[in-house]
Amino acid sequence: MKLSHQALLALAISSATVMAHADTQSQDFVPTGLNSTNAQNDAKGFIDGQSLGGTTRNWYANELKRRNDRFTYDKHGVPTHIPRRINWVQGTILDYSSGFTQGTVGVSTEVALYNAIALDRSREDIAGGGNRTLANRHGDAIDQWSKIGLANVKFRVSNTTLTAGRQNFSTPIVDVIGNRPLPSSFEGVSLHSEEFNNLSFDAATFDRVSPRTEESLSRFRSEYTNNGAETDHVNTVGLNYQPFKSLKTSLYMANVEDFWNQYYFGATHELGDTSVLGLTTGLNYYKTLDTGKKKMGEIDNDAYSLSLGLTHQAHSLTFSYQQIVGDEYFDYLHETNGIYLANSMLSDFNGPNEKSFQIAYGLNMAQYGIPGLKFNIYEVHGWGIDGTHYTGTAYDVKNLNGEHHYEYGIGTSYAVQSGPLKATSIRATYTTHRASANQGDGNINEFRVVTTIPFNIL
C-alpha cells in the first residue's frame, strides 16, 4: 500500500485542524531546573531496602511455514524439512536487590538467577530451537538450564547511578529485548543521571551480551549480518529532554567498534483530549555510518518512521509510514531491541530502500467496565526493496529487486487488576507474513500465547 508524501501531509493537517477544538493537553514550556527530589536522601539502607521477587513466564509459539518455505531439523543425521515448529518454554527469574546504603554515596547490589524449562522437548517440534529453545548440537532440547542473568553493584550520588556488571539497560540503540521466555542483558558499566527535572543522561560501555536463549556470554554481532563478524566493544551516550509538557525528545549515539557509528533522534508530541479526540505524533530517525576496520563493509544508511495516532476514549487508530534510505538493511545489534522504528513488527520492514505503511487499531475495554482487557489489530505493507546497487559482502541483498511483503496480526491481552495474582498478564497473538520470492522473512503464520506471573518474597 503506497502513501504519497502529499497524503501524509494532508492527514497531518486535517488531524491538527480537528484537534484545535479539543486542545486540553498542556503545551506549556518546561524550564530546566534541578530536580526537587534527591533519591539518595531517601535511601532505606542495604538491608531495610532489600527486595526478593521475580517473574515466571509460560511462553508458547506455534509456527507454520507456507508456500515452499520450510524449517529444517536433524533426523538421524539427515537434514529433514518440515512446515511446522513448536516451542514451549517456562522461564523464571528470581531477582534479589539490596537497598542503597545511607550517606552521600549509596551502594547496592543486584543478583538475578534465570532458569528455563523446555516443556516441549521433541527434536522435530523445536526444529533446532533457534533463539527460542536451547538445544544441543544434535538439535535435542536442553531439558532445564540456569544462568546468572544479572550480577552488578550500583553506586548512587543524589539522582545519579553508576552500575557495573551484568545489567538491564534501555536506550533506543542498545536495549534489553524481552520477547522470549527470558530477556537478554549486558556486561559492562553504565551511568544514568536524573539531576534535572526534565533532562536525563545515559552513558554506557559494554563488551558482552547475555543472549535470551544461551547459557554463556557472547560477543556482539549484528542482526542482519551475512559474514559472522563480531566485536568486543559497544559505547553509547545520550539524553532525554522534555521541553514542553506535551513534547518528549531523545538524542543518542553509539559506537560499535569496527562496525558502525549510529545516531538516533526521536520525538513524541501529544495534542488534544483523549476523551474527545487526542493526537499523538511520533518521529524516529536513525543514521548509520561505517567506522574503524569496517567489518560490516561500507555503510551509509538513513532510516525513519512517522506515526500519527488518533485516540477517542477506548479506541485508537494509528497510521505509520517508514522508509529506509540505503543499499543495505537498516541494521542493529543482535540480542537487543535497538530498533524503535514504528513498523518493526514480526518483520522489521527494514530492507534496502524499503518503504512501508501500517494501519493499526486498538481497543481498551476499561472504558466498557473491563479494566485490563485490550485488543489490537494491524496490517503493514512493505514495497520497493532494492539491494541491486549494494557493493559489499556483509549483507545478502544483491538479489532484492522490487521485492515486497505484507504482515497482519491480531492480539488480545489481559492484566489481572487485584488479588493475589495482581499484575499477572496473558497475551495471545496471531500473525501472518507473506513475501515475494526473495524477501528474507518468508511466508509464515504464528500463534503465540505468553503468560507472565510476577511474585514477591521479600
Protein backbone atom coordinates (compact mmCIF):
# COMPACT_ATOMS: atom_id res chain seq x y z
CA MET A 1 0.00 0.00 0.00
CA LYS A 2 1.67 3.21 -1.14
CA LEU A 3 1.03 6.51 0.60
CA SER A 4 2.33 9.66 -1.04
CA HIS A 5 4.05 12.48 0.83
CA GLN A 6 1.10 14.66 -0.11
CA ALA A 7 -1.33 12.23 1.52
CA LEU A 8 0.75 12.15 4.68
CA LEU A 9 0.81 15.94 4.82
CA ALA A 10 -2.94 16.15 4.25
CA LEU A 11 -3.54 13.64 7.04
CA ALA A 12 -1.37 15.60 9.46
CA ILE A 13 -3.06 18.92 8.61
CA SER A 14 -6.57 17.52 8.85
CA SER A 15 -5.80 15.86 12.19
CA ALA A 16 -4.35 19.07 13.61
CA THR A 17 -7.42 21.01 12.41
CA VAL A 18 -9.78 18.65 14.21
CA MET A 19 -7.68 18.83 17.37
CA ALA A 20 -7.85 22.60 17.51
CA HIS A 21 -11.31 22.21 19.06
CA ALA A 22 -10.13 19.82 21.79
CA ASP A 23 -6.73 21.23 22.79
CA THR A 24 -6.67 20.29 26.50
CA GLN A 25 -3.17 18.76 26.56
CA SER A 26 -0.93 21.45 28.03
CA GLN A 27 1.55 22.94 25.57
CA ASP A 28 3.39 24.88 28.28
CA PHE A 29 7.16 25.28 28.15
CA VAL A 30 9.02 23.40 30.88
CA PRO A 31 12.01 25.38 32.22
CA THR A 32 15.03 23.25 33.12
CA GLY A 33 15.98 23.24 36.80
CA LEU A 34 17.50 20.98 39.41
CA ASN A 35 15.33 18.04 40.43
CA SER A 36 13.32 18.84 43.56
CA THR A 37 13.82 15.32 44.96
CA ASN A 38 17.01 13.50 45.91
CA ALA A 39 16.74 9.72 45.60
CA GLN A 40 19.81 9.05 47.75
CA ASN A 41 18.39 11.10 50.64
CA ASP A 42 15.52 8.60 50.74
CA ALA A 43 17.80 5.54 50.91
CA LYS A 44 16.49 2.98 53.45
CA GLY A 45 19.75 1.10 53.92
CA PHE A 46 21.30 -2.05 52.49
CA ILE A 47 19.05 -4.47 54.43
CA ASP A 48 15.93 -2.40 55.07
CA GLY A 49 15.60 -1.55 51.38
CA GLN A 50 16.16 -5.05 50.04
CA SER A 51 13.69 -6.99 47.91
CA LEU A 52 13.40 -10.54 46.60
CA GLY A 53 10.96 -11.46 43.87
CA GLY A 54 10.73 -12.07 40.18
CA THR A 55 8.55 -13.43 37.40
CA THR A 56 7.70 -16.74 35.81
CA ARG A 57 6.71 -16.78 32.16
CA ASN A 58 4.99 -19.53 30.19
CA TRP A 59 5.93 -18.97 26.53
CA TYR A 60 4.29 -20.93 23.71
CA ALA A 61 4.72 -20.35 19.96
CA ASN A 62 3.33 -22.44 17.09
CA GLU A 63 4.69 -21.52 13.64
CA LEU A 64 3.53 -22.82 10.26
CA LYS A 65 5.54 -22.01 7.14
CA ARG A 66 3.51 -21.67 3.95
CA ARG A 67 4.10 -21.96 0.21
CA ASN A 68 7.52 -23.58 -0.27
CA ASP A 69 9.17 -22.35 2.96
CA ARG A 70 10.24 -24.98 5.50
CA PHE A 71 12.03 -25.47 8.82
CA THR A 72 14.89 -28.00 8.99
CA TYR A 73 15.90 -30.43 11.73
CA ASP A 74 18.38 -33.30 12.06
CA LYS A 75 16.63 -36.68 11.77
CA HIS A 76 19.18 -39.45 12.40
CA GLY A 77 21.88 -37.40 10.70
CA VAL A 78 19.73 -36.41 7.72
CA PRO A 79 18.52 -32.79 7.30
CA THR A 80 14.72 -33.06 7.18
CA HIS A 81 12.31 -30.33 6.11
CA ILE A 82 9.04 -29.74 7.94
CA PRO A 83 6.42 -26.98 7.73
CA ARG A 84 5.68 -26.58 11.48
CA ARG A 85 7.77 -25.58 14.50
CA ILE A 86 6.53 -25.56 18.12
CA ASN A 87 8.41 -24.08 21.09
CA TRP A 88 7.05 -24.19 24.65
CA VAL A 89 9.28 -22.99 27.49
CA GLN A 90 8.81 -21.90 31.10
CA GLY A 91 11.23 -19.09 32.01
CA THR A 92 11.65 -17.95 35.63
CA ILE A 93 13.62 -15.02 37.05
CA LEU A 94 14.49 -14.85 40.75
CA ASP A 95 15.80 -11.34 41.43
CA TYR A 96 17.43 -10.08 44.64
CA SER A 97 18.14 -6.35 45.05
CA SER A 98 19.58 -4.80 48.16
CA GLY A 99 18.69 -1.30 49.24
CA PHE A 100 21.14 1.56 48.88
CA THR A 101 23.33 2.26 51.89
CA GLN A 102 22.73 5.63 53.51
CA GLY A 103 25.09 8.58 53.20
CA THR A 104 26.36 10.76 50.40
CA VAL A 105 27.36 7.75 48.28
CA GLY A 106 24.90 4.87 48.33
CA VAL A 107 25.91 1.33 47.42
CA SER A 108 23.62 -1.55 46.46
CA THR A 109 23.81 -4.83 44.60
CA GLU A 110 21.54 -6.91 42.37
CA VAL A 111 21.71 -10.61 41.51
CA ALA A 112 19.17 -12.45 39.36
CA LEU A 113 19.04 -16.16 38.59
CA TYR A 114 17.48 -17.12 35.24
CA ASN A 115 16.04 -20.60 34.73
CA ALA A 116 14.39 -22.20 31.69
CA ILE A 117 12.50 -25.49 31.42
CA ALA A 118 11.67 -26.90 27.99
CA LEU A 119 8.06 -28.10 28.13
CA ASP A 120 8.14 -29.40 24.54
CA ARG A 121 11.31 -31.48 24.07
CA SER A 122 10.59 -33.09 20.73
CA ARG A 123 13.52 -32.68 18.32
CA GLU A 124 11.06 -32.46 15.43
CA ASP A 125 8.83 -29.91 17.14
CA ILE A 126 11.56 -27.43 18.12
CA ALA A 127 13.33 -27.81 14.73
CA GLY A 128 16.74 -26.80 16.05
CA GLY A 129 15.44 -24.42 18.70
CA GLY A 130 16.88 -21.23 17.26
CA ASN A 131 16.62 -18.40 19.80
CA ARG A 132 13.51 -19.97 21.34
CA THR A 133 14.51 -23.32 22.91
CA LEU A 134 18.10 -24.03 23.90
CA ALA A 135 19.25 -27.14 22.03
CA ASN A 136 22.48 -29.15 21.76
CA ARG A 137 24.45 -29.60 18.53
CA HIS A 138 22.24 -32.54 17.52
CA GLY A 139 19.07 -30.45 17.83
CA ASP A 140 17.81 -32.04 21.08
CA ALA A 141 16.26 -29.67 23.61
CA ILE A 142 18.18 -28.95 26.82
CA ASP A 143 15.56 -30.07 29.35
CA GLN A 144 16.43 -27.49 32.02
CA TRP A 145 19.17 -24.87 32.32
CA SER A 146 20.07 -21.91 34.51
CA LYS A 147 22.45 -18.96 34.48
CA ILE A 148 23.22 -15.76 36.35
CA GLY A 149 21.17 -13.27 34.36
CA LEU A 150 22.08 -10.17 36.38
CA ALA A 151 25.01 -9.55 38.74
CA ASN A 152 26.02 -5.98 39.43
CA VAL A 153 26.95 -3.36 42.01
CA LYS A 154 25.50 0.16 41.96
CA PHE A 155 26.82 3.44 43.32
CA ARG A 156 24.46 6.40 43.70
CA VAL A 157 25.02 10.06 44.43
CA SER A 158 21.89 12.20 44.56
CA ASN A 159 19.94 11.12 41.43
CA THR A 160 22.89 9.70 39.50
CA THR A 161 23.59 5.95 39.49
CA LEU A 162 26.65 4.08 38.22
CA THR A 163 26.09 0.35 37.55
CA ALA A 164 28.94 -2.11 36.97
CA GLY A 165 28.47 -5.75 35.96
CA ARG A 166 25.73 -7.68 34.17
CA GLN A 167 22.67 -5.48 33.94
CA ASN A 168 19.50 -4.36 32.20
CA PHE A 169 19.90 -1.27 30.05
CA SER A 170 17.40 0.51 27.82
CA THR A 171 18.02 3.14 25.15
CA PRO A 172 16.87 3.41 21.50
CA ILE A 173 20.15 1.91 20.24
CA VAL A 174 21.14 -0.57 22.97
CA ASP A 175 18.06 -2.03 24.63
CA VAL A 176 17.23 -5.24 26.51
CA ILE A 177 14.95 -7.48 24.44
CA GLY A 178 12.36 -9.46 26.38
CA ASN A 179 10.19 -11.20 23.77
CA ARG A 180 11.24 -14.74 24.75
CA PRO A 181 10.89 -16.75 27.98
CA LEU A 182 13.97 -14.91 29.34
CA PRO A 183 15.40 -11.48 28.40
CA SER A 184 18.88 -10.53 27.28
CA SER A 185 21.27 -8.50 29.46
CA PHE A 186 24.60 -6.71 29.04
CA GLU A 187 28.03 -6.91 30.68
CA GLY A 188 29.75 -3.58 31.30
CA VAL A 189 29.39 -0.21 33.02
CA SER A 190 26.56 2.31 32.68
CA LEU A 191 25.64 5.70 34.12
CA HIS A 192 22.12 7.12 34.43
CA SER A 193 21.53 10.64 35.73
CA GLU A 194 18.31 12.50 36.54
CA GLU A 195 19.69 15.60 38.26
CA PHE A 196 17.35 17.90 36.30
CA ASN A 197 13.56 17.93 36.30
CA ASN A 198 13.11 17.47 32.53
CA LEU A 199 16.53 16.25 31.38
CA SER A 200 18.19 12.86 31.91
CA PHE A 201 21.51 11.42 30.68
CA ASP A 202 22.77 7.92 29.86
CA ALA A 203 26.25 6.65 29.09
CA ALA A 204 27.50 3.06 28.89
CA THR A 205 30.21 0.76 27.63
CA PHE A 206 29.57 -2.97 27.14
CA ASP A 207 31.82 -5.81 25.99
CA ARG A 208 29.49 -8.82 26.13
CA VAL A 209 25.80 -9.70 25.81
CA SER A 210 23.95 -12.46 27.66
CA PRO A 211 21.57 -13.84 24.98
CA ARG A 212 17.95 -14.80 25.61
CA THR A 213 18.48 -18.50 24.89
CA GLU A 214 22.12 -19.18 25.71
CA GLU A 215 23.91 -20.04 28.95
CA SER A 216 27.13 -18.12 28.28
CA LEU A 217 28.12 -14.59 27.37
CA SER A 218 28.66 -13.71 23.70
CA ARG A 219 30.45 -11.07 21.70
CA PHE A 220 28.26 -8.56 19.88
CA ARG A 221 27.22 -9.13 16.28
CA SER A 222 24.63 -7.52 14.03
CA GLU A 223 21.10 -8.78 13.49
CA TYR A 224 21.29 -8.99 9.69
CA THR A 225 24.94 -9.79 9.01
CA ASN A 226 25.85 -12.37 6.40
CA ASN A 227 29.55 -12.61 7.33
CA GLY A 228 29.58 -13.60 11.03
CA ALA A 229 31.58 -10.53 12.12
CA GLU A 230 31.80 -9.94 15.88
CA THR A 231 33.01 -7.09 18.08
CA ASP A 232 34.05 -6.62 21.71
CA HIS A 233 33.04 -3.05 22.44
CA VAL A 234 29.82 -1.05 22.26
CA ASN A 235 29.84 2.51 23.63
CA THR A 236 26.75 4.68 23.82
CA VAL A 237 25.71 8.07 25.21
CA GLY A 238 22.54 10.13 25.00
CA LEU A 239 19.88 12.22 26.67
CA ASN A 240 16.12 12.57 27.06
CA TYR A 241 14.68 16.09 27.13
CA GLN A 242 11.12 17.33 27.66
CA PRO A 243 10.99 20.98 26.53
CA PHE A 244 7.19 21.15 26.73
CA LYS A 245 4.67 19.20 28.77
CA SER A 246 3.36 17.77 25.52
CA LEU A 247 6.72 17.05 23.83
CA LYS A 248 9.37 14.45 24.70
CA THR A 249 12.60 14.08 22.75
CA SER A 250 15.60 11.71 22.76
CA LEU A 251 19.06 12.03 21.21
CA TYR A 252 21.52 9.08 21.33
CA MET A 253 24.63 7.85 19.59
CA ALA A 254 26.60 4.61 19.75
CA ASN A 255 29.96 3.42 18.52
CA VAL A 256 30.04 -0.30 17.71
CA GLU A 257 33.76 -0.92 17.37
CA ASP A 258 34.80 -1.63 13.77
CA PHE A 259 31.13 -1.91 12.73
CA TRP A 260 29.42 1.45 12.66
CA ASN A 261 28.57 4.72 14.35
CA GLN A 262 24.83 5.04 14.83
CA TYR A 263 22.85 8.17 15.70
CA TYR A 264 19.23 8.39 16.82
CA PHE A 265 16.69 11.16 17.25
CA GLY A 266 13.16 10.58 18.48
CA ALA A 267 10.23 12.81 19.42
CA THR A 268 6.69 12.26 20.68
CA HIS A 269 4.08 15.02 20.79
CA GLU A 270 0.60 14.84 22.32
CA LEU A 271 -2.28 17.12 21.49
CA GLY A 272 -5.94 17.27 22.46
CA ASP A 273 -8.17 15.39 24.89
CA THR A 274 -8.48 11.61 24.50
CA SER A 275 -11.98 11.69 26.00
CA VAL A 276 -12.94 13.67 22.87
CA LEU A 277 -10.10 13.23 20.39
CA GLY A 278 -6.36 13.07 21.01
CA LEU A 279 -3.49 13.12 18.53
CA THR A 280 -0.09 11.55 19.19
CA THR A 281 2.67 12.17 16.68
CA GLY A 282 5.86 10.11 16.77
CA LEU A 283 9.12 10.51 14.85
CA ASN A 284 12.07 8.08 14.90
CA TYR A 285 15.24 8.61 12.89
CA TYR A 286 18.49 6.60 12.69
CA LYS A 287 21.70 7.44 10.82
CA THR A 288 24.29 4.65 10.46
CA LEU A 289 27.84 5.09 9.11
CA ASP A 290 30.67 2.55 8.91
CA THR A 291 33.74 3.04 11.12
CA GLY A 292 37.11 1.56 12.05
CA LYS A 293 38.01 -1.67 10.26
CA LYS A 294 34.59 -1.70 8.57
CA LYS A 295 33.90 -5.36 9.42
CA MET A 296 30.38 -4.85 8.04
CA GLY A 297 31.66 -3.14 4.91
CA GLU A 298 30.75 0.34 3.79
CA ILE A 299 27.51 1.59 5.37
CA ASP A 300 25.65 4.84 4.77
CA ASN A 301 22.07 4.30 5.87
CA ASP A 302 19.16 6.51 6.93
CA ALA A 303 16.01 5.06 8.48
CA TYR A 304 12.98 6.93 9.72
CA SER A 305 9.35 6.46 10.68
CA LEU A 306 6.49 8.88 11.24
CA SER A 307 3.34 7.83 13.10
CA LEU A 308 0.06 9.65 13.66
CA GLY A 309 -2.26 8.20 16.31
CA LEU A 310 -5.87 9.26 16.96
CA THR A 311 -7.49 8.30 20.27
CA HIS A 312 -11.13 8.62 21.23
CA GLN A 313 -11.95 7.15 24.64
CA ALA A 314 -11.46 3.37 24.26
CA HIS A 315 -10.50 3.48 20.59
CA SER A 316 -7.18 4.28 18.91
CA LEU A 317 -6.27 4.40 15.23
CA THR A 318 -2.64 4.77 14.14
CA PHE A 319 -1.07 5.40 10.74
CA SER A 320 2.69 4.81 10.37
CA TYR A 321 4.99 5.43 7.41
CA GLN A 322 8.56 4.13 7.39
CA GLN A 323 11.42 4.39 4.90
CA ILE A 324 14.97 3.06 4.60
CA VAL A 325 17.41 5.09 2.50
CA GLY A 326 20.46 2.94 1.77
CA ASP A 327 21.53 -0.08 -0.27
CA GLU A 328 21.83 -2.37 2.79
CA TYR A 329 19.48 -3.34 5.61
CA PHE A 330 18.94 -0.87 8.42
CA ASP A 331 20.82 -2.99 10.95
CA TYR A 332 21.09 -3.14 14.74
CA LEU A 333 22.80 -5.30 17.34
CA HIS A 334 21.66 -8.90 17.74
CA GLU A 335 20.07 -9.73 21.11
CA THR A 336 18.97 -6.12 21.53
CA ASN A 337 15.76 -4.25 20.84
CA GLY A 338 17.70 -1.41 19.22
CA ILE A 339 15.08 -0.60 16.61
CA TYR A 340 12.41 1.89 17.64
CA LEU A 341 11.01 2.31 14.12
CA ALA A 342 7.21 2.26 14.06
CA ASN A 343 6.83 -0.63 11.60
CA SER A 344 9.15 -3.08 13.36
CA MET A 345 6.76 -5.99 13.94
CA LEU A 346 7.33 -9.72 13.27
CA SER A 347 9.22 -8.38 10.25
CA ASP A 348 11.28 -5.22 10.75
CA PHE A 349 10.39 -3.82 7.29
CA ASN A 350 14.00 -2.64 7.09
CA GLY A 351 15.17 -3.89 3.68
CA PRO A 352 17.41 -1.73 1.49
CA ASN A 353 15.47 1.28 0.18
CA GLU A 354 12.23 -0.20 1.56
CA LYS A 355 9.10 1.84 2.16
CA SER A 356 6.26 0.61 4.38
CA PHE A 357 2.91 1.76 5.70
CA GLN A 358 0.92 0.47 8.67
CA ILE A 359 -2.65 0.90 9.89
CA ALA A 360 -3.37 -0.25 13.46
CA TYR A 361 -6.47 -0.23 15.65
CA GLY A 362 -6.59 -0.71 19.41
CA LEU A 363 -9.47 -1.15 21.86
CA ASN A 364 -9.15 -0.64 25.63
CA MET A 365 -12.04 -2.37 27.38
CA ALA A 366 -11.55 -0.39 30.60
CA GLN A 367 -13.95 2.14 29.07
CA TYR A 368 -16.57 -0.61 28.99
CA GLY A 369 -16.10 -1.81 32.55
CA ILE A 370 -13.40 -4.47 31.98
CA PRO A 371 -10.10 -2.86 33.05
CA GLY A 372 -7.00 -4.74 31.94
CA LEU A 373 -8.53 -6.23 28.77
CA LYS A 374 -7.23 -4.91 25.43
CA PHE A 375 -7.48 -5.86 21.75
CA ASN A 376 -5.41 -4.78 18.77
CA ILE A 377 -5.21 -5.44 15.05
CA TYR A 378 -2.76 -4.15 12.44
CA GLU A 379 -1.63 -4.53 8.84
CA VAL A 380 1.71 -3.45 7.32
CA HIS A 381 2.72 -3.37 3.65
CA GLY A 382 6.35 -3.00 2.51
CA TRP A 383 7.46 -2.35 -1.05
CA GLY A 384 10.31 -1.07 -3.23
CA ILE A 385 13.02 -3.25 -1.66
CA ASP A 386 16.12 -2.82 -3.84
CA GLY A 387 19.62 -4.07 -2.99
CA THR A 388 20.93 -4.32 -6.53
CA HIS A 389 23.33 -1.39 -6.01
CA TYR A 390 24.94 -2.88 -2.87
CA THR A 391 28.70 -3.34 -3.32
CA GLY A 392 29.65 -5.01 -0.03
CA THR A 393 29.64 -8.61 1.23
CA ALA A 394 28.15 -8.35 4.73
CA TYR A 395 24.51 -8.44 3.59
CA ASP A 396 22.76 -10.85 1.25
CA VAL A 397 20.73 -8.24 -0.64
CA LYS A 398 22.00 -8.13 -4.23
CA ASN A 399 19.10 -10.33 -5.40
CA LEU A 400 16.49 -7.99 -3.91
CA ASN A 401 14.94 -6.11 -6.80
CA GLY A 402 11.46 -4.70 -6.32
CA GLU A 403 10.66 -7.17 -3.52
CA HIS A 404 7.55 -6.63 -1.42
CA HIS A 405 5.75 -8.21 1.53
CA TYR A 406 2.93 -7.68 3.98
CA GLU A 407 2.04 -8.67 7.52
CA TYR A 408 -1.10 -8.56 9.58
CA GLY A 409 -1.77 -9.52 13.17
CA ILE A 410 -4.46 -9.62 15.80
CA GLY A 411 -3.94 -9.83 19.53
CA THR A 412 -5.58 -9.63 22.91
CA SER A 413 -4.15 -9.18 26.38
CA TYR A 414 -5.44 -9.15 29.92
CA ALA A 415 -3.76 -7.96 33.12
CA VAL A 416 -5.21 -9.01 36.48
CA GLN A 417 -6.16 -5.88 38.42
CA SER A 418 -6.31 -7.11 42.02
CA GLY A 419 -5.95 -10.07 44.35
CA PRO A 420 -3.05 -12.48 44.83
CA LEU A 421 -2.40 -12.64 41.06
CA LYS A 422 -2.40 -8.86 40.59
CA ALA A 423 -0.31 -7.74 37.57
CA THR A 424 -0.35 -11.23 36.06
CA SER A 425 -0.72 -10.83 32.30
CA ILE A 426 -1.70 -13.13 29.47
CA ARG A 427 -1.33 -12.21 25.82
CA ALA A 428 -2.37 -14.15 22.71
CA THR A 429 -1.39 -13.10 19.18
CA TYR A 430 -1.88 -14.47 15.69
CA THR A 431 0.40 -13.13 12.96
CA THR A 432 0.64 -13.78 9.22
CA HIS A 433 3.51 -12.74 6.96
CA ARG A 434 3.61 -13.16 3.18
CA ALA A 435 6.52 -12.20 0.93
CA SER A 436 7.69 -12.14 -2.67
CA ALA A 437 10.26 -14.69 -3.81
CA ASN A 438 13.47 -13.13 -2.44
CA GLN A 439 12.25 -11.12 0.56
CA GLY A 440 14.07 -12.57 3.58
CA ASP A 441 11.24 -13.05 6.11
CA GLY A 442 9.36 -15.60 4.02
CA ASN A 443 5.83 -16.94 4.41
CA ILE A 444 4.72 -17.88 7.88
CA ASN A 445 1.78 -17.96 10.29
CA GLU A 446 2.46 -17.78 14.02
CA PHE A 447 0.20 -18.25 17.03
CA ARG A 448 1.74 -17.20 20.35
CA VAL A 449 0.46 -17.30 23.95
CA VAL A 450 2.53 -15.75 26.74
CA THR A 451 1.55 -15.73 30.41
CA THR A 452 3.69 -13.76 32.88
CA ILE A 453 3.22 -14.04 36.64
CA PRO A 454 5.13 -11.71 38.98
CA PHE A 455 5.85 -12.73 42.56
CA ASN A 456 7.31 -11.14 45.69
CA ILE A 457 9.09 -13.00 48.50
CA LEU A 458 10.54 -10.05 50.45
